[in-house]
N, C-alpha and C. Protein backbone atom coordinates (compact mmCIF):
# COMPACT_ATOMS: atom_id res chain seq x y z
N MET A 1 2.29 6.67 -1.16
CA MET A 1 1.08 6.21 -0.50
C MET A 1 0.79 7.14 0.67
N LYS A 2 -0.49 7.39 0.90
CA LYS A 2 -0.89 8.21 2.02
C LYS A 2 -1.39 7.32 3.15
N PHE A 3 -1.26 7.83 4.37
CA PHE A 3 -1.71 7.08 5.54
C PHE A 3 -3.19 6.73 5.43
N SER A 4 -3.97 7.62 4.84
CA SER A 4 -5.41 7.38 4.70
C SER A 4 -5.72 6.21 3.77
N ASP A 5 -4.72 5.75 3.00
CA ASP A 5 -4.90 4.59 2.12
C ASP A 5 -4.86 3.27 2.90
N ILE A 6 -4.45 3.33 4.15
CA ILE A 6 -4.34 2.14 4.99
C ILE A 6 -5.52 2.09 5.94
N LYS A 7 -6.17 0.95 6.05
CA LYS A 7 -7.28 0.79 6.98
C LYS A 7 -6.70 0.76 8.39
N LEU A 8 -7.08 1.71 9.23
CA LEU A 8 -6.47 1.87 10.55
C LEU A 8 -6.54 0.60 11.39
N THR A 9 -7.67 -0.10 11.34
CA THR A 9 -7.79 -1.31 12.17
C THR A 9 -6.94 -2.47 11.67
N ASP A 10 -6.33 -2.34 10.49
CA ASP A 10 -5.40 -3.37 10.02
C ASP A 10 -4.07 -3.30 10.77
N ILE A 11 -3.72 -2.11 11.29
CA ILE A 11 -2.44 -1.95 11.99
C ILE A 11 -2.49 -2.72 13.30
N GLY A 12 -1.57 -3.65 13.45
CA GLY A 12 -1.53 -4.51 14.61
C GLY A 12 -2.32 -5.79 14.43
N ASN A 13 -3.16 -5.83 13.40
CA ASN A 13 -3.95 -7.03 13.13
C ASN A 13 -3.41 -7.76 11.90
N THR A 14 -3.39 -7.09 10.75
CA THR A 14 -2.83 -7.70 9.55
C THR A 14 -1.60 -6.95 9.05
N VAL A 15 -1.37 -5.75 9.56
CA VAL A 15 -0.17 -4.97 9.25
C VAL A 15 0.69 -4.96 10.50
N HIS A 16 1.88 -5.55 10.42
CA HIS A 16 2.72 -5.73 11.60
C HIS A 16 4.06 -5.03 11.46
N MET A 17 4.67 -4.72 12.59
CA MET A 17 5.99 -4.11 12.61
C MET A 17 7.02 -5.16 12.18
N VAL A 18 7.88 -4.80 11.24
CA VAL A 18 8.88 -5.74 10.75
C VAL A 18 10.31 -5.22 10.90
N GLY A 19 10.44 -4.04 11.52
CA GLY A 19 11.77 -3.48 11.68
C GLY A 19 11.71 -2.12 12.34
N ALA A 20 12.85 -1.47 12.37
CA ALA A 20 12.95 -0.13 12.95
C ALA A 20 13.88 0.71 12.10
N VAL A 21 13.62 2.00 12.07
CA VAL A 21 14.45 2.94 11.32
C VAL A 21 15.04 3.94 12.30
N TYR A 22 16.35 4.13 12.22
CA TYR A 22 17.06 5.09 13.07
C TYR A 22 17.86 6.03 12.20
N ALA A 23 18.10 7.24 12.70
CA ALA A 23 18.93 8.21 12.00
C ALA A 23 20.04 8.66 12.95
N ASP A 24 21.22 8.92 12.37
CA ASP A 24 22.31 9.44 13.19
C ASP A 24 22.36 10.95 13.11
N SER A 25 23.30 11.57 13.82
CA SER A 25 23.36 13.03 13.91
C SER A 25 23.67 13.69 12.57
N SER A 26 24.22 12.95 11.62
CA SER A 26 24.51 13.54 10.32
C SER A 26 23.33 13.43 9.35
N GLY A 27 22.24 12.81 9.80
CA GLY A 27 21.06 12.67 8.95
C GLY A 27 21.02 11.36 8.19
N GLY A 28 22.03 10.52 8.37
CA GLY A 28 22.02 9.21 7.71
C GLY A 28 21.00 8.30 8.36
N GLY A 29 20.39 7.42 7.57
CA GLY A 29 19.37 6.54 8.10
C GLY A 29 19.79 5.08 8.07
N PHE A 30 19.26 4.33 8.99
CA PHE A 30 19.52 2.90 9.09
C PHE A 30 18.20 2.17 9.26
N TYR A 31 17.98 1.12 8.46
CA TYR A 31 16.79 0.28 8.59
C TYR A 31 17.24 -1.07 9.11
N PHE A 32 16.68 -1.46 10.24
CA PHE A 32 16.99 -2.75 10.85
C PHE A 32 15.75 -3.62 10.75
N SER A 33 15.82 -4.67 9.92
CA SER A 33 14.65 -5.56 9.80
C SER A 33 14.74 -6.63 10.89
N PHE A 34 13.60 -6.98 11.44
CA PHE A 34 13.53 -8.04 12.44
C PHE A 34 13.71 -9.38 11.73
N PRO A 35 14.38 -10.34 12.39
CA PRO A 35 14.51 -11.67 11.79
C PRO A 35 13.12 -12.30 11.64
N SER A 36 12.91 -13.02 10.56
CA SER A 36 11.64 -13.70 10.37
C SER A 36 11.89 -15.07 9.77
N ALA A 37 10.96 -15.98 10.04
CA ALA A 37 11.08 -17.34 9.51
C ALA A 37 11.00 -17.33 7.99
N GLY A 38 10.26 -16.37 7.44
CA GLY A 38 10.07 -16.31 5.99
C GLY A 38 11.19 -15.59 5.26
N GLY A 39 12.17 -15.08 5.98
CA GLY A 39 13.26 -14.35 5.34
C GLY A 39 12.87 -12.93 4.99
N GLU A 40 13.51 -12.38 3.99
CA GLU A 40 13.27 -10.99 3.59
C GLU A 40 11.88 -10.83 3.00
N GLY A 41 11.26 -9.70 3.30
CA GLY A 41 9.96 -9.39 2.75
C GLY A 41 10.10 -8.46 1.56
N ALA A 42 8.99 -7.96 1.09
CA ALA A 42 8.98 -7.01 -0.01
C ALA A 42 9.58 -5.68 0.45
N ASP A 43 10.01 -4.86 -0.50
CA ASP A 43 10.55 -3.56 -0.15
C ASP A 43 9.47 -2.73 0.55
N PRO A 44 9.86 -1.98 1.59
CA PRO A 44 8.88 -1.15 2.29
C PRO A 44 8.34 -0.05 1.37
N VAL A 45 7.13 0.39 1.64
CA VAL A 45 6.49 1.47 0.91
C VAL A 45 6.55 2.72 1.78
N HIS A 46 6.98 3.84 1.21
CA HIS A 46 7.01 5.09 1.95
C HIS A 46 5.58 5.60 2.11
N VAL A 47 5.20 5.91 3.34
CA VAL A 47 3.86 6.41 3.63
C VAL A 47 3.97 7.86 4.08
N GLU A 48 3.29 8.76 3.37
CA GLU A 48 3.28 10.17 3.74
C GLU A 48 2.35 10.35 4.92
N MET A 49 2.86 11.00 5.99
CA MET A 49 2.06 11.13 7.21
C MET A 49 2.11 12.54 7.78
N THR A 50 0.97 12.98 8.29
CA THR A 50 0.87 14.25 9.01
C THR A 50 1.04 13.95 10.50
N LEU A 51 1.09 14.99 11.30
CA LEU A 51 1.17 14.81 12.75
C LEU A 51 -0.06 14.06 13.27
N ASP A 52 -1.23 14.40 12.76
CA ASP A 52 -2.44 13.69 13.17
C ASP A 52 -2.40 12.22 12.75
N ASP A 53 -1.82 11.92 11.59
CA ASP A 53 -1.66 10.53 11.16
C ASP A 53 -0.78 9.77 12.15
N TRP A 54 0.32 10.40 12.58
CA TRP A 54 1.22 9.77 13.55
C TRP A 54 0.50 9.50 14.86
N LYS A 55 -0.30 10.45 15.30
CA LYS A 55 -1.05 10.25 16.55
C LYS A 55 -1.99 9.04 16.40
N ALA A 56 -2.68 8.95 15.26
CA ALA A 56 -3.59 7.83 15.04
C ALA A 56 -2.84 6.51 14.97
N LEU A 57 -1.69 6.50 14.28
CA LEU A 57 -0.88 5.28 14.18
C LEU A 57 -0.40 4.82 15.55
N LEU A 58 0.15 5.73 16.33
CA LEU A 58 0.67 5.36 17.65
C LEU A 58 -0.44 4.91 18.59
N ARG A 59 -1.60 5.54 18.51
CA ARG A 59 -2.73 5.11 19.34
C ARG A 59 -3.16 3.70 18.94
N GLN A 60 -3.29 3.45 17.65
CA GLN A 60 -3.70 2.13 17.17
C GLN A 60 -2.66 1.07 17.52
N ALA A 61 -1.38 1.39 17.35
CA ALA A 61 -0.32 0.42 17.65
C ALA A 61 -0.29 0.09 19.14
N ASP A 62 -0.66 1.05 19.98
CA ASP A 62 -0.67 0.84 21.42
C ASP A 62 -1.90 0.06 21.86
N LEU A 63 -3.06 0.37 21.28
CA LEU A 63 -4.32 -0.24 21.72
C LEU A 63 -4.75 -1.43 20.87
N VAL A 64 -4.34 -1.48 19.61
CA VAL A 64 -4.78 -2.47 18.63
C VAL A 64 -6.30 -2.60 18.68
N GLU A 65 -6.94 -1.50 18.27
CA GLU A 65 -8.40 -1.51 18.20
C GLU A 65 -8.84 -2.45 17.09
N THR A 66 -10.00 -3.02 17.27
CA THR A 66 -10.55 -3.92 16.26
C THR A 66 -11.93 -3.41 15.85
N GLU A 67 -12.38 -3.91 14.75
CA GLU A 67 -13.69 -3.55 14.24
C GLU A 67 -14.63 -4.71 14.54
N VAL A 68 -15.74 -4.42 15.19
CA VAL A 68 -16.70 -5.46 15.53
C VAL A 68 -17.79 -5.47 14.47
N LEU A 69 -17.96 -6.62 13.85
CA LEU A 69 -19.02 -6.80 12.86
C LEU A 69 -20.03 -7.75 13.46
N ALA A 70 -21.22 -7.24 13.70
CA ALA A 70 -22.25 -8.07 14.32
C ALA A 70 -23.61 -7.71 13.77
N GLN A 71 -24.53 -8.61 13.92
CA GLN A 71 -25.92 -8.36 13.54
C GLN A 71 -26.79 -8.47 14.77
N ARG A 72 -27.83 -7.67 14.78
CA ARG A 72 -28.79 -7.75 15.87
C ARG A 72 -29.56 -9.06 15.72
N ALA A 73 -30.28 -9.40 16.74
CA ALA A 73 -31.06 -10.64 16.72
C ALA A 73 -32.06 -10.69 15.58
N ASP A 74 -32.55 -9.49 15.16
CA ASP A 74 -33.52 -9.45 14.07
C ASP A 74 -32.86 -9.46 12.69
N GLY A 75 -31.51 -9.60 12.65
CA GLY A 75 -30.81 -9.70 11.38
C GLY A 75 -30.30 -8.37 10.85
N GLU A 76 -30.69 -7.25 11.45
CA GLU A 76 -30.22 -5.93 11.02
C GLU A 76 -28.79 -5.72 11.50
N GLU A 77 -28.04 -4.95 10.72
CA GLU A 77 -26.66 -4.64 11.12
C GLU A 77 -26.63 -3.45 12.03
């Protein structure tokens, strides 16, 4: 999956952090899932990301921008 397949405004709104991934000096990885009332979730999906994708993700996760859907008084969008 590519980062562009994810709607950016979903991050922090409907797409939430559920764990953390760490690596040790030998390159081994560890996934720590956060406890949840619902128990284990589905297997994570690997998302291919560029440096610009990471910048967008971190900005969105920090600000949690939302999309405003509104109509003008005359009914036009």
